[in-house]
Amino acid sequence: MDSAIRLGKLAPAKGATKKRKRVGCGPGSGHGKTSCRGHKGAGQRKGKEYDARFEGGQMPFYRRLPKRGFQNISRKEFELVKVEHLAKFPANTTITPELLVKSNYVKKGFPIKLLGDGEIGVALQVKLHAFSKSAKEKIEKAGGKIEPIKEIIARKKG
C-alpha cells in the first residue's frame, strides 16, 4: 500500500532520455572507426561548411536560371510625384520632400522626381531632387519657382 511518490523513485518517462552519442571513441563506441562520417572528402573533415546555395556539385539553381538584360548597379530609383498632385496645395506653398512624405504622396528615404502629368494653376516653390522638362515648364508657367536639391540619396527599392 506504498503508492506514494518518493523522491528516490522518480525517473523520467520511458523514451524521454537517450544515450549520448560518443563520437570519435573508436569501434567500441558503436559508431565505428570513422564516427559515422565516412571515408575521405569534405564531410569527413572538421570545419566542413557549405554555402547555402551549394547543391553537392550539381549546377546550382541560381546558375541554371536564365538571365535577361542589363542590371545597372548604379541606377538611382526615384519616388515619382505628378504636377497634378501639387495642384492640391494652396498658392505660395514651399513643396519639400518632408511635406510630400507628411502628405502621404511618397515614402521616406528616397529621392523624389516631379513629373509633368496633369495641370497646375497655382504658383508654388518646389524644392525636390529632380524634375522632368515638362514639369519645370508647367511650374514656371503657373508663376512658381523650381529649386533642385543637390544631394541625392541613392537607395534601391524593394
N, C-alpha and C. Protein backbone atom coordinates (compact mmCIF):
# COMPACT_ATOMS: atom_id res chain seq x y z
N MET A 1 0.83 -1.19 0.00
CA MET A 1 0.00 0.00 0.00
C MET A 1 0.88 1.26 0.00
N ASP A 2 2.05 1.10 -0.59
CA ASP A 2 3.00 2.20 -0.62
C ASP A 2 2.94 2.85 -2.00
N SER A 3 1.84 3.52 -2.33
CA SER A 3 1.67 4.12 -3.66
C SER A 3 2.11 5.58 -3.68
N ALA A 4 2.64 6.08 -2.58
CA ALA A 4 3.10 7.47 -2.53
C ALA A 4 4.36 7.65 -3.38
N ILE A 5 4.48 8.83 -3.99
CA ILE A 5 5.66 9.11 -4.81
C ILE A 5 6.81 9.45 -3.87
N ARG A 6 7.92 8.76 -4.08
CA ARG A 6 9.10 9.00 -3.26
C ARG A 6 10.18 9.65 -4.12
N LEU A 7 10.92 10.56 -3.55
CA LEU A 7 11.96 11.30 -4.26
C LEU A 7 12.99 10.37 -4.89
N GLY A 8 13.34 9.34 -4.21
CA GLY A 8 14.35 8.40 -4.70
C GLY A 8 13.85 7.52 -5.81
N LYS A 9 12.56 7.45 -6.01
CA LYS A 9 11.98 6.58 -7.03
C LYS A 9 11.61 7.34 -8.32
N LEU A 10 11.81 8.69 -8.33
CA LEU A 10 11.47 9.47 -9.51
C LEU A 10 12.37 9.10 -10.69
N ALA A 11 11.80 8.98 -11.87
CA ALA A 11 12.56 8.67 -13.09
C ALA A 11 11.86 9.34 -14.27
N PRO A 12 12.63 9.70 -15.32
CA PRO A 12 11.99 10.30 -16.48
C PRO A 12 11.07 9.31 -17.19
N ALA A 13 10.12 9.81 -17.95
CA ALA A 13 9.18 8.96 -18.67
C ALA A 13 9.93 8.08 -19.66
N LYS A 14 9.37 6.94 -19.97
CA LYS A 14 10.02 5.99 -20.87
C LYS A 14 10.16 6.65 -22.26
N GLY A 15 11.38 6.62 -22.81
CA GLY A 15 11.65 7.21 -24.12
C GLY A 15 12.05 8.68 -24.06
N ALA A 16 12.03 9.28 -22.86
CA ALA A 16 12.36 10.70 -22.74
C ALA A 16 13.87 10.94 -22.75
N THR A 17 14.66 9.97 -22.39
CA THR A 17 16.11 10.14 -22.38
C THR A 17 16.75 9.22 -23.40
N LYS A 18 17.91 9.64 -23.89
CA LYS A 18 18.60 8.88 -24.93
C LYS A 18 20.07 8.85 -24.57
N LYS A 19 20.75 7.76 -24.89
CA LYS A 19 22.17 7.64 -24.60
C LYS A 19 22.95 8.60 -25.47
N ARG A 20 23.96 9.26 -24.90
CA ARG A 20 24.75 10.24 -25.62
C ARG A 20 25.59 9.56 -26.70
N LYS A 21 25.70 10.20 -27.89
CA LYS A 21 26.50 9.66 -28.98
C LYS A 21 27.96 9.99 -28.69
N ARG A 22 28.78 8.98 -28.44
CA ARG A 22 30.19 9.21 -28.13
C ARG A 22 30.96 9.19 -29.44
N VAL A 23 31.13 10.35 -30.02
CA VAL A 23 31.76 10.46 -31.32
C VAL A 23 33.28 10.43 -31.17
N GLY A 24 33.94 9.72 -32.08
CA GLY A 24 35.40 9.71 -32.10
C GLY A 24 36.02 8.83 -31.05
N CYS A 25 35.31 7.86 -30.55
CA CYS A 25 35.85 6.99 -29.50
C CYS A 25 36.11 5.58 -30.02
N GLY A 26 36.29 5.47 -31.32
CA GLY A 26 36.69 4.19 -31.89
C GLY A 26 35.56 3.19 -32.06
N PRO A 27 35.92 1.96 -32.46
CA PRO A 27 34.91 0.94 -32.76
C PRO A 27 34.06 0.57 -31.55
N GLY A 28 34.59 0.71 -30.37
CA GLY A 28 33.84 0.32 -29.17
C GLY A 28 32.67 1.25 -28.86
N SER A 29 32.62 2.41 -29.51
CA SER A 29 31.56 3.37 -29.21
C SER A 29 30.25 3.02 -29.90
N GLY A 30 30.30 2.08 -30.84
CA GLY A 30 29.11 1.72 -31.58
C GLY A 30 28.93 2.58 -32.82
N HIS A 31 29.89 3.49 -33.05
CA HIS A 31 29.80 4.35 -34.23
C HIS A 31 30.97 4.12 -35.16
N GLY A 32 31.71 3.05 -34.96
CA GLY A 32 32.76 2.65 -35.88
C GLY A 32 33.99 3.53 -35.87
N LYS A 33 34.94 3.12 -36.70
CA LYS A 33 36.24 3.77 -36.74
C LYS A 33 36.14 5.20 -37.27
N THR A 34 35.20 5.47 -38.17
CA THR A 34 35.12 6.81 -38.77
C THR A 34 34.06 7.69 -38.10
N SER A 35 33.45 7.25 -37.03
CA SER A 35 32.47 8.03 -36.26
C SER A 35 31.31 8.50 -37.12
N CYS A 36 30.78 7.67 -37.98
CA CYS A 36 29.62 7.95 -38.82
C CYS A 36 29.87 9.03 -39.86
N ARG A 37 31.17 9.34 -40.12
CA ARG A 37 31.47 10.41 -41.07
C ARG A 37 31.89 9.87 -42.44
N GLY A 38 32.11 8.63 -42.58
CA GLY A 38 32.51 8.06 -43.86
C GLY A 38 33.99 8.26 -44.12
N HIS A 39 34.43 7.81 -45.29
CA HIS A 39 35.85 7.88 -45.65
C HIS A 39 36.13 9.05 -46.57
N LYS A 40 37.16 9.79 -46.30
CA LYS A 40 37.66 10.90 -47.13
C LYS A 40 36.60 11.94 -47.51
N GLY A 41 37.06 13.04 -48.09
CA GLY A 41 36.15 14.08 -48.55
C GLY A 41 35.86 15.14 -47.50
N ALA A 42 35.17 16.21 -47.92
CA ALA A 42 34.91 17.36 -47.04
C ALA A 42 34.04 16.98 -45.85
N GLY A 43 33.12 16.07 -46.04
CA GLY A 43 32.21 15.68 -44.96
C GLY A 43 32.90 14.95 -43.84
N GLN A 44 34.07 14.36 -44.14
CA GLN A 44 34.81 13.61 -43.13
C GLN A 44 35.66 14.54 -42.28
N ARG A 45 36.00 15.70 -42.82
CA ARG A 45 36.92 16.59 -42.11
C ARG A 45 36.16 17.58 -41.22
N LYS A 46 36.86 18.06 -40.20
CA LYS A 46 36.21 19.04 -39.32
C LYS A 46 36.17 20.39 -40.02
N GLY A 47 35.26 21.24 -39.59
CA GLY A 47 35.15 22.56 -40.17
C GLY A 47 34.45 22.56 -41.52
N LYS A 48 33.79 21.46 -41.86
CA LYS A 48 33.08 21.37 -43.14
C LYS A 48 31.92 22.34 -43.12
N GLU A 49 31.93 23.28 -44.04
CA GLU A 49 30.82 24.23 -44.14
C GLU A 49 30.53 24.45 -45.60
N TYR A 50 29.27 24.35 -45.95
CA TYR A 50 28.88 24.59 -47.33
C TYR A 50 28.07 25.88 -47.39
N ASP A 51 28.19 26.57 -48.52
CA ASP A 51 27.38 27.74 -48.80
C ASP A 51 25.92 27.28 -48.87
N ALA A 52 24.98 28.15 -48.53
CA ALA A 52 23.56 27.79 -48.55
C ALA A 52 23.11 27.42 -49.96
N ARG A 53 23.84 27.91 -50.98
CA ARG A 53 23.46 27.64 -52.37
C ARG A 53 24.08 26.36 -52.90
N PHE A 54 24.97 25.72 -52.15
CA PHE A 54 25.69 24.53 -52.65
C PHE A 54 24.74 23.36 -52.81
N GLU A 55 24.82 22.69 -53.97
CA GLU A 55 23.92 21.57 -54.26
C GLU A 55 24.69 20.30 -54.54
N GLY A 56 25.80 20.09 -53.79
CA GLY A 56 26.54 18.85 -53.93
C GLY A 56 27.27 18.71 -55.24
N GLY A 57 27.68 19.80 -55.85
CA GLY A 57 28.43 19.73 -57.09
C GLY A 57 27.54 19.85 -58.33
N GLN A 58 26.24 19.67 -58.14
CA GLN A 58 25.28 19.85 -59.24
C GLN A 58 25.28 21.33 -59.61
N MET A 59 24.95 21.63 -60.87
CA MET A 59 24.89 23.04 -61.30
C MET A 59 23.83 23.75 -60.45
N PRO A 60 24.20 24.77 -59.68
CA PRO A 60 23.25 25.39 -58.75
C PRO A 60 22.07 26.06 -59.46
N PHE A 61 20.99 26.16 -58.73
CA PHE A 61 19.74 26.69 -59.27
C PHE A 61 19.93 28.11 -59.80
N TYR A 62 20.65 28.95 -59.06
CA TYR A 62 20.81 30.34 -59.47
C TYR A 62 21.63 30.45 -60.76
N ARG A 63 22.39 29.41 -61.10
CA ARG A 63 23.14 29.43 -62.37
C ARG A 63 22.35 28.77 -63.50
N ARG A 64 21.35 27.99 -63.15
CA ARG A 64 20.52 27.35 -64.17
C ARG A 64 19.46 28.29 -64.72
N LEU A 65 19.10 29.32 -63.94
CA LEU A 65 18.06 30.25 -64.37
C LEU A 65 18.57 31.17 -65.46
N PRO A 66 17.73 31.51 -66.43
CA PRO A 66 18.18 32.43 -67.47
C PRO A 66 18.25 33.85 -66.94
N LYS A 67 19.25 34.55 -67.39
CA LYS A 67 19.37 35.96 -67.01
C LYS A 67 19.03 36.80 -68.24
N ARG A 68 18.32 37.90 -68.04
CA ARG A 68 17.91 38.71 -69.18
C ARG A 68 18.30 40.17 -68.95
N GLY A 69 18.80 40.79 -69.99
CA GLY A 69 19.02 42.22 -69.95
C GLY A 69 20.22 42.65 -69.12
N PHE A 70 20.24 43.91 -68.83
CA PHE A 70 21.36 44.54 -68.12
C PHE A 70 20.85 45.10 -66.80
N GLN A 71 21.48 44.71 -65.71
CA GLN A 71 21.13 45.25 -64.39
C GLN A 71 22.16 46.30 -64.01
N ASN A 72 21.76 47.55 -64.09
CA ASN A 72 22.66 48.66 -63.77
C ASN A 72 22.75 48.81 -62.26
N ILE A 73 23.94 48.52 -61.71
CA ILE A 73 24.08 48.54 -60.25
C ILE A 73 24.13 49.95 -59.68
N SER A 74 24.39 50.94 -60.55
CA SER A 74 24.45 52.32 -60.05
C SER A 74 23.21 53.12 -60.42
N ARG A 75 22.11 52.42 -60.72
CA ARG A 75 20.86 53.09 -61.07
C ARG A 75 20.26 53.78 -59.84
N LYS A 76 19.77 55.00 -60.04
CA LYS A 76 19.11 55.71 -58.94
C LYS A 76 17.61 55.59 -59.12
N GLU A 77 16.94 55.11 -58.12
CA GLU A 77 15.48 54.96 -58.19
C GLU A 77 14.83 56.14 -57.47
N PHE A 78 13.82 56.71 -58.10
CA PHE A 78 13.13 57.87 -57.56
C PHE A 78 11.70 57.53 -57.18
N GLU A 79 11.20 58.24 -56.17
CA GLU A 79 9.77 58.25 -55.90
C GLU A 79 9.21 59.29 -56.87
N LEU A 80 8.08 58.98 -57.49
CA LEU A 80 7.54 59.87 -58.52
C LEU A 80 6.31 60.63 -58.02
N VAL A 81 6.26 61.92 -58.32
CA VAL A 81 5.12 62.77 -57.97
C VAL A 81 4.71 63.50 -59.24
N LYS A 82 3.40 63.60 -59.48
CA LYS A 82 2.90 64.29 -60.66
C LYS A 82 2.54 65.73 -60.31
N VAL A 83 2.61 66.61 -61.31
CA VAL A 83 2.26 68.02 -61.13
C VAL A 83 0.82 68.16 -60.63
N GLU A 84 -0.07 67.29 -61.10
CA GLU A 84 -1.48 67.38 -60.68
C GLU A 84 -1.65 67.15 -59.18
N HIS A 85 -0.72 66.41 -58.55
CA HIS A 85 -0.78 66.23 -57.09
C HIS A 85 -0.45 67.53 -56.36
N LEU A 86 0.48 68.29 -56.93
CA LEU A 86 0.89 69.54 -56.29
C LEU A 86 -0.19 70.62 -56.41
N ALA A 87 -1.09 70.47 -57.38
CA ALA A 87 -2.16 71.45 -57.59
C ALA A 87 -3.12 71.51 -56.39
N LYS A 88 -3.08 70.49 -55.55
CA LYS A 88 -3.97 70.43 -54.37
C LYS A 88 -3.47 71.30 -53.21
N PHE A 89 -2.20 71.74 -53.28
CA PHE A 89 -1.64 72.59 -52.23
C PHE A 89 -2.02 74.05 -52.47
N PRO A 90 -2.17 74.85 -51.40
CA PRO A 90 -2.50 76.27 -51.58
C PRO A 90 -1.35 77.04 -52.24
N ALA A 91 -1.67 78.18 -52.81
CA ALA A 91 -0.68 79.00 -53.51
C ALA A 91 0.43 79.44 -52.56
N ASN A 92 1.62 79.65 -53.13
CA ASN A 92 2.83 80.09 -52.42
C ASN A 92 3.32 79.12 -51.35
N THR A 93 2.94 77.86 -51.43
CA THR A 93 3.46 76.83 -50.51
C THR A 93 4.83 76.39 -51.01
N THR A 94 5.74 76.11 -50.07
CA THR A 94 7.04 75.55 -50.43
C THR A 94 6.93 74.04 -50.35
N ILE A 95 7.07 73.38 -51.48
CA ILE A 95 6.96 71.92 -51.55
C ILE A 95 8.34 71.33 -51.31
N THR A 96 8.48 70.55 -50.24
CA THR A 96 9.74 69.89 -49.90
C THR A 96 9.48 68.39 -49.77
N PRO A 97 10.54 67.57 -49.78
CA PRO A 97 10.35 66.13 -49.59
C PRO A 97 9.62 65.81 -48.28
N GLU A 98 9.92 66.57 -47.22
CA GLU A 98 9.28 66.33 -45.92
C GLU A 98 7.77 66.54 -46.00
N LEU A 99 7.36 67.59 -46.73
CA LEU A 99 5.94 67.89 -46.88
C LEU A 99 5.23 66.77 -47.66
N LEU A 100 5.88 66.27 -48.70
CA LEU A 100 5.28 65.20 -49.51
C LEU A 100 5.18 63.89 -48.74
N VAL A 101 6.17 63.62 -47.87
CA VAL A 101 6.12 62.42 -47.02
C VAL A 101 4.98 62.56 -46.02
N LYS A 102 4.89 63.75 -45.42
CA LYS A 102 3.82 64.03 -44.44
C LYS A 102 2.43 63.93 -45.08
N SER A 103 2.34 64.32 -46.35
CA SER A 103 1.06 64.28 -47.07
C SER A 103 0.76 62.91 -47.68
N ASN A 104 1.64 61.93 -47.42
CA ASN A 104 1.50 60.55 -47.92
C ASN A 104 1.52 60.43 -49.45
N TYR A 105 2.29 61.28 -50.11
CA TYR A 105 2.46 61.15 -51.56
C TYR A 105 3.64 60.24 -51.89
N VAL A 106 4.64 60.22 -51.01
CA VAL A 106 5.85 59.40 -51.24
C VAL A 106 6.29 58.73 -49.94
N LYS A 107 7.21 57.76 -50.08
CA LYS A 107 7.80 57.11 -48.91
C LYS A 107 9.06 57.85 -48.51
N LYS A 108 9.40 57.77 -47.25
CA LYS A 108 10.57 58.46 -46.72
C LYS A 108 11.84 57.73 -47.16
N GLY A 109 12.88 58.50 -47.41
CA GLY A 109 14.19 57.93 -47.66
C GLY A 109 14.59 57.79 -49.11
N PHE A 110 13.74 58.16 -50.04
CA PHE A 110 14.07 58.06 -51.45
C PHE A 110 14.09 59.45 -52.08
N PRO A 111 14.94 59.65 -53.10
CA PRO A 111 14.90 60.93 -53.82
C PRO A 111 13.58 61.04 -54.59
N ILE A 112 13.12 62.26 -54.80
CA ILE A 112 11.81 62.48 -55.42
C ILE A 112 11.98 63.20 -56.75
N LYS A 113 11.27 62.71 -57.77
CA LYS A 113 11.28 63.34 -59.08
C LYS A 113 9.87 63.82 -59.41
N LEU A 114 9.77 65.05 -59.91
CA LEU A 114 8.48 65.62 -60.29
C LEU A 114 8.24 65.39 -61.78
N LEU A 115 7.11 64.77 -62.10
CA LEU A 115 6.74 64.52 -63.49
C LEU A 115 5.69 65.52 -63.94
N GLY A 116 5.61 65.77 -65.24
CA GLY A 116 4.72 66.80 -65.77
C GLY A 116 3.31 66.34 -66.08
N ASP A 117 2.83 65.24 -65.53
CA ASP A 117 1.46 64.78 -65.80
C ASP A 117 0.45 65.68 -65.11
N GLY A 118 -0.57 66.08 -65.84
CA GLY A 118 -1.63 66.91 -65.26
C GLY A 118 -1.37 68.39 -65.45
N GLU A 119 -2.25 69.19 -64.86
CA GLU A 119 -2.16 70.65 -64.97
C GLU A 119 -2.06 71.27 -63.58
N ILE A 120 -1.50 72.48 -63.54
CA ILE A 120 -1.39 73.20 -62.27
C ILE A 120 -1.75 74.67 -62.52
N GLY A 121 -2.48 75.25 -61.58
CA GLY A 121 -2.91 76.63 -61.75
C GLY A 121 -2.43 77.54 -60.64
N VAL A 122 -1.71 76.98 -59.64
CA VAL A 122 -1.25 77.79 -58.51
C VAL A 122 0.28 77.92 -58.54
N ALA A 123 0.78 79.08 -58.05
CA ALA A 123 2.22 79.32 -58.01
C ALA A 123 2.79 78.65 -56.75
N LEU A 124 3.77 77.77 -56.94
CA LEU A 124 4.38 77.05 -55.81
C LEU A 124 5.90 77.15 -55.90
N GLN A 125 6.56 77.07 -54.74
CA GLN A 125 8.01 76.95 -54.70
C GLN A 125 8.30 75.46 -54.49
N VAL A 126 8.98 74.85 -55.44
CA VAL A 126 9.21 73.40 -55.39
C VAL A 126 10.69 73.12 -55.19
N LYS A 127 11.02 72.44 -54.08
CA LYS A 127 12.40 72.04 -53.78
C LYS A 127 12.44 70.52 -53.73
N LEU A 128 12.81 69.90 -54.86
CA LEU A 128 12.89 68.44 -54.96
C LEU A 128 14.22 68.03 -55.60
N HIS A 129 14.43 66.72 -55.71
CA HIS A 129 15.71 66.21 -56.20
C HIS A 129 15.83 66.26 -57.73
N ALA A 130 14.73 66.01 -58.45
CA ALA A 130 14.79 66.00 -59.92
C ALA A 130 13.45 66.41 -60.51
N PHE A 131 13.50 66.93 -61.76
CA PHE A 131 12.30 67.40 -62.45
C PHE A 131 12.35 66.96 -63.90
N SER A 132 11.19 66.66 -64.47
CA SER A 132 11.14 66.42 -65.91
C SER A 132 11.03 67.80 -66.57
N LYS A 133 11.34 67.85 -67.88
CA LYS A 133 11.29 69.12 -68.61
C LYS A 133 9.89 69.73 -68.57
N SER A 134 8.88 68.88 -68.81
CA SER A 134 7.50 69.38 -68.85
C SER A 134 7.05 69.87 -67.47
N ALA A 135 7.53 69.22 -66.41
CA ALA A 135 7.17 69.65 -65.05
C ALA A 135 7.75 71.03 -64.77
N LYS A 136 9.01 71.25 -65.17
CA LYS A 136 9.64 72.57 -64.99
C LYS A 136 8.83 73.66 -65.70
N GLU A 137 8.48 73.38 -66.96
CA GLU A 137 7.73 74.35 -67.77
C GLU A 137 6.39 74.69 -67.12
N LYS A 138 5.68 73.68 -66.66
CA LYS A 138 4.35 73.89 -66.08
C LYS A 138 4.40 74.68 -64.78
N ILE A 139 5.39 74.38 -63.92
CA ILE A 139 5.53 75.10 -62.64
C ILE A 139 5.87 76.57 -62.92
N GLU A 140 6.82 76.81 -63.83
CA GLU A 140 7.24 78.19 -64.13
C GLU A 140 6.13 78.96 -64.86
N LYS A 141 5.37 78.27 -65.70
CA LYS A 141 4.26 78.90 -66.42
C LYS A 141 3.16 79.35 -65.44
N ALA A 142 2.98 78.57 -64.35
CA ALA A 142 1.97 78.91 -63.34
C ALA A 142 2.47 80.00 -62.39
N GLY A 143 3.74 80.44 -62.56
CA GLY A 143 4.29 81.52 -61.73
C GLY A 143 5.09 81.00 -60.54
N GLY A 144 5.39 79.72 -60.52
CA GLY A 144 6.15 79.14 -59.41
C GLY A 144 7.65 79.12 -59.67
N LYS A 145 8.42 78.66 -58.66
CA LYS A 145 9.87 78.58 -58.77
C LYS A 145 10.31 77.14 -58.52
N ILE A 146 11.41 76.76 -59.17
CA ILE A 146 11.96 75.41 -59.01
C ILE A 146 13.36 75.53 -58.44
N GLU A 147 13.64 74.72 -57.43
CA GLU A 147 14.95 74.70 -56.81
C GLU A 147 15.37 73.25 -56.59
N PRO A 148 16.34 72.75 -57.38
CA PRO A 148 16.76 71.36 -57.21
C PRO A 148 17.57 71.17 -55.92
N ILE A 149 17.37 70.04 -55.27
CA ILE A 149 18.14 69.67 -54.08
C ILE A 149 19.36 68.91 -54.59
N LYS A 150 20.54 69.31 -54.13
CA LYS A 150 21.78 68.75 -54.66
C LYS A 150 21.98 67.28 -54.26
N GLU A 151 21.95 66.99 -52.96
CA GLU A 151 22.29 65.63 -52.51
C GLU A 151 21.16 64.66 -52.85
N ILE A 152 21.53 63.60 -53.55
CA ILE A 152 20.54 62.58 -53.93
C ILE A 152 20.87 61.32 -53.14
N ILE A 153 19.90 60.84 -52.40
CA ILE A 153 20.07 59.63 -51.62
C ILE A 153 19.83 58.46 -52.57
N ALA A 154 20.89 57.75 -52.91
CA ALA A 154 20.70 56.60 -53.82
C ALA A 154 20.35 55.39 -52.98
N ARG A 155 19.16 54.90 -53.15
CA ARG A 155 18.71 53.71 -52.41
C ARG A 155 17.85 52.87 -53.34
N LYS A 156 18.00 51.56 -53.23
CA LYS A 156 17.23 50.65 -54.08
C LYS A 156 15.88 50.38 -53.45
N LYS A 157 14.88 50.32 -54.29
CA LYS A 157 13.54 49.95 -53.81
C LYS A 157 13.47 48.44 -53.69
N GLY A 158 12.60 48.02 -52.72
CA GLY A 158 12.33 46.60 -52.63
C GLY A 158 13.16 45.82 -51.73
